[in-house]
C-alpha cells in the first residue's frame, strides 16, 4: 500500500463563468476550487478546504519528476513559502513540506510512490473536470486563448 494518498472534492456549487470555460481562460486556474487533503501513512499531512485544484493539477502535470516540485498558488503571497514541496534528497528519497503542513514528516518516499499517487490524482481530477466543465487538464493546457500567460 502506498504511504502517500491525495484526496480532493471539487466545489461544484461554485459558479464558474461559462464564457471562461469555453475560452479555457487562465482565470479558471483559481476559479476551479475544492477540498484537498494529503495523507502520509494515513495521517493527514496537509488539508486545505479551498485549494485551486486546476492550478495544482496543471503544476503537477508540468513537473518532470526529477527536480524538486514546488507549488505556489497565484492566490497566496509566495514570500511566505511554498504551499507544497516534494524535495529530492537523493538516495534518501523524497521529503514533503508545506507551510501549512499539520506535522513535520520525516518519512522518505520513493519517486515511484509519489508518481503513482499523483497520476491517480490527475486521472481522478481530469474525470471530474470533464464531467463538470467539459475539459481536462491537457485540454486546458492546449487552449488558444489565455490569461496569466500560462
N, C-alpha and C. Protein backbone atom coordinates (compact mmCIF):
# COMPACT_ATOMS: atom_id res chain seq x y z
N UNK A 1 0.83 -1.19 0.00
CA UNK A 1 0.00 0.00 0.00
C UNK A 1 0.88 1.25 0.00
N UNK A 2 0.50 2.20 -0.82
CA UNK A 2 1.26 3.44 -0.95
C UNK A 2 1.09 4.29 0.31
N UNK A 3 2.19 4.73 0.92
CA UNK A 3 2.07 5.56 2.13
C UNK A 3 1.56 6.98 1.84
N UNK A 4 1.55 7.39 0.56
CA UNK A 4 1.08 8.73 0.18
C UNK A 4 -0.31 8.61 -0.44
N UNK A 5 -1.21 9.49 0.00
CA UNK A 5 -2.56 9.50 -0.56
C UNK A 5 -3.01 10.95 -0.72
N UNK A 6 -3.51 11.28 -1.91
CA UNK A 6 -4.05 12.61 -2.21
C UNK A 6 -5.55 12.48 -2.43
N UNK A 7 -6.32 13.30 -1.74
CA UNK A 7 -7.77 13.27 -1.88
C UNK A 7 -8.27 14.68 -2.17
N UNK A 8 -9.35 14.76 -2.95
CA UNK A 8 -9.94 16.06 -3.24
C UNK A 8 -11.44 15.90 -3.45
N UNK A 9 -12.12 17.01 -3.33
CA UNK A 9 -13.54 17.08 -3.67
C UNK A 9 -13.76 18.42 -4.34
N UNK A 10 -14.11 18.38 -5.61
CA UNK A 10 -14.34 19.58 -6.40
C UNK A 10 -15.54 20.35 -5.86
N UNK A 11 -15.42 21.66 -5.73
CA UNK A 11 -16.53 22.50 -5.30
C UNK A 11 -17.41 22.80 -6.51
N UNK A 12 -18.36 21.93 -6.76
CA UNK A 12 -19.23 22.07 -7.93
C UNK A 12 -20.30 23.14 -7.74
N UNK A 13 -20.50 23.57 -6.51
CA UNK A 13 -21.52 24.56 -6.21
C UNK A 13 -21.04 25.98 -6.52
N UNK A 14 -19.74 26.17 -6.73
CA UNK A 14 -19.21 27.50 -7.04
C UNK A 14 -19.50 27.80 -8.51
N UNK A 15 -20.08 28.96 -8.76
CA UNK A 15 -20.42 29.36 -10.11
C UNK A 15 -19.16 29.76 -10.88
N UNK A 16 -18.98 29.14 -12.03
CA UNK A 16 -17.85 29.47 -12.90
C UNK A 16 -18.42 29.96 -14.22
N UNK A 17 -17.96 31.11 -14.67
CA UNK A 17 -18.45 31.75 -15.89
C UNK A 17 -18.25 30.80 -17.09
N UNK A 18 -19.35 30.46 -17.75
CA UNK A 18 -19.31 29.54 -18.91
C UNK A 18 -18.46 30.09 -20.06
N UNK A 19 -18.42 31.41 -20.19
CA UNK A 19 -17.59 32.01 -21.23
C UNK A 19 -16.11 31.70 -20.97
N UNK A 20 -15.69 31.76 -19.70
CA UNK A 20 -14.31 31.43 -19.35
C UNK A 20 -14.02 29.97 -19.66
N UNK A 21 -15.00 29.11 -19.40
CA UNK A 21 -14.82 27.68 -19.67
C UNK A 21 -14.66 27.46 -21.17
N UNK A 22 -15.51 28.09 -21.95
CA UNK A 22 -15.45 27.94 -23.41
C UNK A 22 -14.09 28.40 -23.95
N UNK A 23 -13.56 29.48 -23.39
CA UNK A 23 -12.27 30.02 -23.82
C UNK A 23 -11.08 29.29 -23.20
N UNK A 24 -11.34 28.48 -22.17
CA UNK A 24 -10.26 27.86 -21.37
C UNK A 24 -9.37 28.96 -20.79
N UNK A 25 -10.02 30.03 -20.33
CA UNK A 25 -9.35 31.21 -19.81
C UNK A 25 -8.52 30.85 -18.57
N UNK A 26 -7.35 31.45 -18.46
CA UNK A 26 -6.45 31.19 -17.34
C UNK A 26 -7.03 31.55 -15.98
N UNK A 27 -8.05 32.38 -15.94
CA UNK A 27 -8.71 32.70 -14.67
C UNK A 27 -9.28 31.44 -14.02
N UNK A 28 -9.56 30.43 -14.82
CA UNK A 28 -10.09 29.17 -14.29
C UNK A 28 -9.11 28.51 -13.32
N UNK A 29 -7.82 28.82 -13.47
CA UNK A 29 -6.82 28.25 -12.57
C UNK A 29 -7.18 28.48 -11.11
N UNK A 30 -7.71 29.64 -10.81
CA UNK A 30 -8.08 29.95 -9.42
C UNK A 30 -9.58 29.79 -9.18
N UNK A 31 -10.39 29.81 -10.22
CA UNK A 31 -11.83 29.68 -10.05
C UNK A 31 -12.26 28.25 -9.74
N UNK A 32 -11.54 27.27 -10.25
CA UNK A 32 -11.90 25.87 -10.03
C UNK A 32 -11.22 25.41 -8.75
N UNK A 33 -12.01 25.30 -7.70
CA UNK A 33 -11.50 25.05 -6.35
C UNK A 33 -12.11 23.78 -5.76
N UNK A 34 -11.50 23.35 -4.67
CA UNK A 34 -12.06 22.21 -3.96
C UNK A 34 -11.28 21.91 -2.69
N UNK A 35 -11.83 20.98 -1.93
CA UNK A 35 -11.15 20.47 -0.74
C UNK A 35 -9.97 19.63 -1.20
N UNK A 36 -8.84 19.75 -0.51
CA UNK A 36 -7.66 18.94 -0.85
C UNK A 36 -7.00 18.49 0.43
N UNK A 37 -6.70 17.20 0.48
CA UNK A 37 -6.01 16.62 1.63
C UNK A 37 -4.91 15.70 1.14
N UNK A 38 -3.82 15.70 1.88
CA UNK A 38 -2.69 14.83 1.59
C UNK A 38 -2.39 14.03 2.87
N UNK A 39 -2.28 12.73 2.71
CA UNK A 39 -2.02 11.84 3.84
C UNK A 39 -0.69 11.13 3.66
N UNK A 40 0.02 10.97 4.75
CA UNK A 40 1.23 10.15 4.79
C UNK A 40 0.99 9.09 5.85
N UNK A 41 1.03 7.84 5.44
CA UNK A 41 0.72 6.72 6.35
C UNK A 41 -0.59 6.96 7.09
N UNK A 42 -1.62 7.34 6.33
CA UNK A 42 -2.98 7.56 6.84
C UNK A 42 -3.10 8.68 7.87
N UNK A 43 -2.09 9.51 7.99
CA UNK A 43 -2.13 10.67 8.88
C UNK A 43 -2.19 11.92 8.00
N UNK A 44 -3.16 12.80 8.28
CA UNK A 44 -3.34 13.99 7.45
C UNK A 44 -2.16 14.93 7.61
N UNK A 45 -1.42 15.11 6.52
CA UNK A 45 -0.24 15.97 6.48
C UNK A 45 -0.60 17.40 6.07
N UNK A 46 -1.55 17.52 5.15
CA UNK A 46 -1.93 18.81 4.57
C UNK A 46 -3.42 18.80 4.32
N UNK A 47 -4.08 19.87 4.70
CA UNK A 47 -5.53 19.97 4.48
C UNK A 47 -5.88 21.40 4.16
N UNK A 48 -6.55 21.59 3.04
CA UNK A 48 -6.98 22.92 2.64
C UNK A 48 -8.41 22.82 2.10
N UNK A 49 -9.36 23.52 2.71
CA UNK A 49 -10.75 23.40 2.29
C UNK A 49 -11.09 24.14 0.99
N UNK A 50 -10.18 24.93 0.46
CA UNK A 50 -10.47 25.65 -0.78
C UNK A 50 -9.18 25.89 -1.55
N UNK A 51 -8.70 24.85 -2.20
CA UNK A 51 -7.46 24.93 -2.97
C UNK A 51 -7.78 25.05 -4.45
N UNK A 52 -6.98 25.78 -5.19
CA UNK A 52 -7.13 25.92 -6.64
C UNK A 52 -6.70 24.60 -7.29
N UNK A 53 -7.64 23.69 -7.44
CA UNK A 53 -7.32 22.33 -7.91
C UNK A 53 -6.82 22.29 -9.35
N UNK A 54 -7.40 23.10 -10.23
CA UNK A 54 -6.91 23.12 -11.61
C UNK A 54 -5.47 23.63 -11.64
N UNK A 55 -5.18 24.66 -10.88
CA UNK A 55 -3.82 25.20 -10.83
C UNK A 55 -2.84 24.13 -10.34
N UNK A 56 -3.21 23.42 -9.27
CA UNK A 56 -2.36 22.34 -8.76
C UNK A 56 -2.20 21.24 -9.82
N UNK A 57 -3.29 20.87 -10.47
CA UNK A 57 -3.23 19.84 -11.50
C UNK A 57 -2.31 20.22 -12.65
N UNK A 58 -2.38 21.46 -13.08
CA UNK A 58 -1.50 21.96 -14.15
C UNK A 58 -0.04 21.89 -13.69
N UNK A 59 0.23 22.35 -12.47
CA UNK A 59 1.60 22.34 -11.95
C UNK A 59 2.14 20.91 -11.87
N UNK A 60 1.33 19.98 -11.39
CA UNK A 60 1.77 18.58 -11.29
C UNK A 60 1.96 17.95 -12.66
N UNK A 61 1.14 18.33 -13.63
CA UNK A 61 1.26 17.81 -14.99
C UNK A 61 2.57 18.27 -15.62
N UNK A 62 2.97 19.50 -15.33
CA UNK A 62 4.20 20.06 -15.91
C UNK A 62 5.47 19.59 -15.19
N UNK A 63 5.34 19.04 -13.99
CA UNK A 63 6.50 18.62 -13.20
C UNK A 63 7.21 17.45 -13.86
N UNK A 64 8.53 17.51 -13.95
CA UNK A 64 9.32 16.49 -14.65
C UNK A 64 9.64 15.25 -13.80
N UNK A 65 9.32 15.23 -12.54
CA UNK A 65 9.54 14.10 -11.61
C UNK A 65 11.02 13.83 -11.36
N UNK A 66 11.87 14.80 -11.70
CA UNK A 66 13.31 14.68 -11.46
C UNK A 66 13.76 15.76 -10.48
N UNK A 67 13.45 16.99 -10.81
CA UNK A 67 13.81 18.11 -9.93
C UNK A 67 12.75 18.25 -8.84
N UNK A 68 13.08 19.03 -7.82
CA UNK A 68 12.12 19.32 -6.76
C UNK A 68 10.85 19.91 -7.36
N UNK A 69 9.73 19.58 -6.75
CA UNK A 69 8.45 20.17 -7.12
C UNK A 69 8.10 21.20 -6.05
N UNK A 70 7.84 22.42 -6.48
CA UNK A 70 7.45 23.46 -5.55
C UNK A 70 6.20 24.13 -6.10
N UNK A 71 5.14 24.12 -5.31
CA UNK A 71 3.86 24.68 -5.74
C UNK A 71 3.55 25.93 -4.94
N UNK A 72 3.46 27.03 -5.67
CA UNK A 72 2.97 28.30 -5.15
C UNK A 72 1.68 28.59 -5.89
N UNK A 73 0.68 29.06 -5.21
CA UNK A 73 -0.55 29.44 -5.88
C UNK A 73 -0.54 30.95 -6.14
N UNK A 74 -1.18 31.36 -7.21
CA UNK A 74 -1.26 32.78 -7.51
C UNK A 74 -2.18 33.50 -6.53
N UNK A 75 -2.88 32.74 -5.70
CA UNK A 75 -3.76 33.33 -4.69
C UNK A 75 -3.05 33.63 -3.37
N UNK A 76 -1.81 33.26 -3.26
CA UNK A 76 -1.10 33.34 -1.98
C UNK A 76 0.25 34.03 -2.17
N UNK A 77 0.65 34.81 -1.21
CA UNK A 77 1.94 35.51 -1.27
C UNK A 77 3.08 34.50 -1.14
N UNK A 78 3.84 34.33 -2.19
CA UNK A 78 4.90 33.31 -2.18
C UNK A 78 6.05 33.64 -1.24
N UNK A 79 6.11 34.86 -0.74
CA UNK A 79 7.17 35.20 0.23
C UNK A 79 7.01 34.40 1.53
N UNK A 80 5.80 33.91 1.78
CA UNK A 80 5.55 33.10 2.98
C UNK A 80 6.06 31.68 2.83
N UNK A 81 6.30 31.25 1.61
CA UNK A 81 6.81 29.91 1.35
C UNK A 81 5.87 29.11 0.48
N UNK A 82 6.32 27.92 0.05
CA UNK A 82 5.53 27.09 -0.86
C UNK A 82 4.36 26.40 -0.16
N UNK A 83 3.26 26.29 -0.87
CA UNK A 83 2.14 25.54 -0.33
C UNK A 83 2.47 24.06 -0.26
N UNK A 84 3.26 23.60 -1.21
CA UNK A 84 3.61 22.19 -1.24
C UNK A 84 4.94 22.00 -1.97
N UNK A 85 5.79 21.17 -1.38
CA UNK A 85 7.09 20.88 -1.99
C UNK A 85 7.39 19.40 -1.85
N UNK A 86 7.89 18.81 -2.94
CA UNK A 86 8.50 17.48 -2.91
C UNK A 86 9.99 17.72 -3.09
N UNK A 87 10.77 17.44 -2.07
CA UNK A 87 12.21 17.68 -2.11
C UNK A 87 12.96 16.38 -2.38
N UNK A 88 13.79 16.39 -3.42
CA UNK A 88 14.61 15.24 -3.76
C UNK A 88 15.84 15.24 -2.86
N UNK A 89 15.94 14.23 -2.02
CA UNK A 89 17.07 14.10 -1.10
C UNK A 89 18.05 13.02 -1.58
N UNK A 90 18.05 12.78 -2.88
CA UNK A 90 18.98 11.81 -3.47
C UNK A 90 18.66 10.39 -3.00
N UNK A 91 19.66 9.70 -2.52
CA UNK A 91 19.49 8.31 -2.09
C UNK A 91 18.55 8.18 -0.89
N UNK A 92 18.34 9.27 -0.19
CA UNK A 92 17.45 9.24 0.97
C UNK A 92 15.98 9.32 0.57
N UNK A 93 15.70 9.48 -0.71
CA UNK A 93 14.32 9.56 -1.19
C UNK A 93 13.82 10.99 -1.25
N UNK A 94 12.53 11.14 -1.20
CA UNK A 94 11.87 12.43 -1.33
C UNK A 94 11.16 12.76 -0.03
N UNK A 95 11.19 14.04 0.33
CA UNK A 95 10.50 14.52 1.53
C UNK A 95 9.47 15.55 1.13
N UNK A 96 8.39 15.60 1.91
CA UNK A 96 7.32 16.55 1.66
C UNK A 96 7.40 17.70 2.66
N UNK A 97 7.02 18.88 2.18
CA UNK A 97 6.99 20.06 3.04
C UNK A 97 5.86 20.97 2.57
N UNK A 98 5.24 21.66 3.52
CA UNK A 98 4.26 22.69 3.21
C UNK A 98 4.28 23.72 4.33
N UNK A 99 4.07 24.98 3.97
CA UNK A 99 3.96 25.99 5.01
C UNK A 99 2.70 25.76 5.85
N UNK A 100 1.78 24.98 5.33
CA UNK A 100 0.54 24.68 6.05
C UNK A 100 0.49 23.24 6.54
N UNK A 101 1.62 22.56 6.57
CA UNK A 101 1.61 21.15 6.98
C UNK A 101 1.12 21.02 8.42
N UNK A 102 0.48 19.90 8.71
CA UNK A 102 -0.08 19.66 10.03
C UNK A 102 0.91 19.00 10.97
N UNK A 103 1.96 18.43 10.41
CA UNK A 103 3.05 17.86 11.20
C UNK A 103 4.29 17.80 10.32
N UNK A 104 5.44 17.71 10.94
CA UNK A 104 6.69 17.58 10.19
C UNK A 104 6.93 16.11 9.90
N UNK A 105 7.04 15.79 8.64
CA UNK A 105 7.22 14.41 8.24
C UNK A 105 8.70 14.09 8.04
N UNK A 106 9.14 13.05 8.68
CA UNK A 106 10.49 12.54 8.49
C UNK A 106 10.52 11.39 7.50
N UNK A 107 9.33 11.03 7.00
CA UNK A 107 9.21 9.92 6.06
C UNK A 107 9.86 10.26 4.73
N UNK A 108 10.60 9.32 4.19
CA UNK A 108 11.15 9.43 2.85
C UNK A 108 10.29 8.58 1.93
N UNK A 109 9.93 9.15 0.81
CA UNK A 109 9.11 8.46 -0.18
C UNK A 109 9.90 8.27 -1.46
N UNK A 110 9.63 7.20 -2.15
CA UNK A 110 10.29 6.99 -3.44
C UNK A 110 9.54 7.80 -4.50
N UNK A 111 10.23 8.12 -5.56
CA UNK A 111 9.59 8.86 -6.65
C UNK A 111 8.49 8.01 -7.28
N UNK A 112 8.64 6.70 -7.23
CA UNK A 112 7.61 5.80 -7.77
C UNK A 112 6.32 5.93 -6.95
N UNK A 113 6.45 6.00 -5.63
CA UNK A 113 5.27 6.16 -4.77
C UNK A 113 4.58 7.49 -5.06
N UNK A 114 5.37 8.53 -5.15
CA UNK A 114 4.83 9.87 -5.41
C UNK A 114 4.17 9.92 -6.78
N UNK A 115 4.85 9.40 -7.79
CA UNK A 115 4.33 9.43 -9.16
C UNK A 115 3.03 8.64 -9.27
N UNK A 116 2.98 7.47 -8.65
CA UNK A 116 1.77 6.65 -8.70
C UNK A 116 0.58 7.40 -8.13
N UNK A 117 0.77 8.04 -7.00
CA UNK A 117 -0.33 8.77 -6.36
C UNK A 117 -0.69 10.03 -7.15
N UNK A 118 0.28 10.72 -7.68
CA UNK A 118 0.00 11.92 -8.48
C UNK A 118 -0.77 11.54 -9.74
N UNK A 119 -0.36 10.48 -10.41
CA UNK A 119 -1.06 10.05 -11.63
C UNK A 119 -2.50 9.68 -11.32
N UNK A 120 -2.74 9.03 -10.20
CA UNK A 120 -4.10 8.69 -9.79
C UNK A 120 -4.91 9.95 -9.51
N UNK A 121 -4.31 10.90 -8.80
CA UNK A 121 -4.96 12.18 -8.52
C UNK A 121 -5.30 12.90 -9.81
N UNK A 122 -4.35 12.98 -10.74
CA UNK A 122 -4.58 13.68 -12.00
C UNK A 122 -5.67 13.01 -12.83
N UNK A 123 -5.68 11.70 -12.83
CA UNK A 123 -6.71 10.97 -13.58
C UNK A 123 -8.09 11.25 -12.98
N UNK A 124 -8.21 11.21 -11.66
CA UNK A 124 -9.49 11.50 -11.00
C UNK A 124 -9.90 12.95 -11.21
N UNK A 125 -8.94 13.86 -11.13
CA UNK A 125 -9.25 15.27 -11.35
C UNK A 125 -9.71 15.50 -12.79
N UNK A 126 -9.03 14.89 -13.75
CA UNK A 126 -9.44 15.01 -15.16
C UNK A 126 -10.89 14.53 -15.34
N UNK A 127 -11.22 13.42 -14.73
CA UNK A 127 -12.58 12.87 -14.84
C UNK A 127 -13.60 13.86 -14.28
N UNK A 128 -13.31 14.45 -13.13
CA UNK A 128 -14.22 15.43 -12.53
C UNK A 128 -14.32 16.69 -13.39
N UNK A 129 -13.18 17.14 -13.93
CA UNK A 129 -13.20 18.33 -14.79
C UNK A 129 -14.03 18.10 -16.05
N UNK A 130 -13.88 16.94 -16.67
CA UNK A 130 -14.65 16.63 -17.88
C UNK A 130 -16.13 16.56 -17.55
N UNK A 131 -16.47 15.87 -16.47
CA UNK A 131 -17.88 15.72 -16.09
C UNK A 131 -18.52 17.04 -15.69
N UNK A 132 -17.77 17.94 -15.08
CA UNK A 132 -18.32 19.19 -14.56
C UNK A 132 -18.20 20.34 -15.55
N UNK A 133 -17.03 20.44 -16.23
CA UNK A 133 -16.76 21.61 -17.06
C UNK A 133 -16.55 21.30 -18.54
N UNK A 134 -16.41 20.04 -18.89
CA UNK A 134 -16.27 19.67 -20.29
C UNK A 134 -14.86 19.74 -20.85
N UNK A 135 -13.85 19.83 -19.98
CA UNK A 135 -12.46 19.80 -20.46
C UNK A 135 -11.60 19.13 -19.40
N UNK A 136 -10.43 18.66 -19.84
CA UNK A 136 -9.46 18.08 -18.90
C UNK A 136 -8.23 18.99 -18.85
N UNK A 137 -7.26 18.60 -18.04
CA UNK A 137 -6.06 19.44 -17.87
C UNK A 137 -5.35 19.64 -19.19
N UNK A 138 -5.17 18.57 -19.95
CA UNK A 138 -4.48 18.68 -21.24
C UNK A 138 -5.24 19.62 -22.18
N UNK A 139 -6.57 19.53 -22.17
CA UNK A 139 -7.39 20.43 -22.98
C UNK A 139 -7.24 21.88 -22.55
N UNK A 140 -7.07 22.09 -21.25
CA UNK A 140 -6.84 23.44 -20.75
C UNK A 140 -5.47 23.94 -21.20
N UNK A 141 -4.45 23.09 -21.11
CA UNK A 141 -3.10 23.50 -21.49
C UNK A 141 -2.98 23.78 -22.98
N UNK A 142 -3.80 23.14 -23.79
CA UNK A 142 -3.74 23.31 -25.24
C UNK A 142 -4.68 24.38 -25.76
N UNK A 143 -5.20 25.21 -24.87
CA UNK A 143 -6.15 26.24 -25.28
C UNK A 143 -5.46 27.31 -26.15
N UNK A 144 -6.28 28.03 -26.89
CA UNK A 144 -5.78 29.08 -27.77
C UNK A 144 -5.80 30.45 -27.08
N UNK A 145 -6.77 30.66 -26.21
CA UNK A 145 -6.95 31.94 -25.54
C UNK A 145 -6.53 31.78 -24.10
N UNK A 146 -5.87 32.77 -23.53
CA UNK A 146 -5.41 32.59 -22.16
C UNK A 146 -5.38 33.85 -21.34
N UNK A 147 -4.96 33.65 -20.13
CA UNK A 147 -4.86 34.70 -19.13
C UNK A 147 -3.71 34.29 -18.24
N UNK A 148 -2.96 35.16 -17.69
CA UNK A 148 -1.81 34.87 -16.85
C UNK A 148 -0.64 34.33 -17.65
N UNK A 149 -0.75 34.19 -18.95
CA UNK A 149 0.37 33.76 -19.77
C UNK A 149 0.83 32.34 -19.56
N UNK A 150 -0.06 31.46 -19.12
CA UNK A 150 0.35 30.06 -18.85
C UNK A 150 0.05 29.21 -20.06
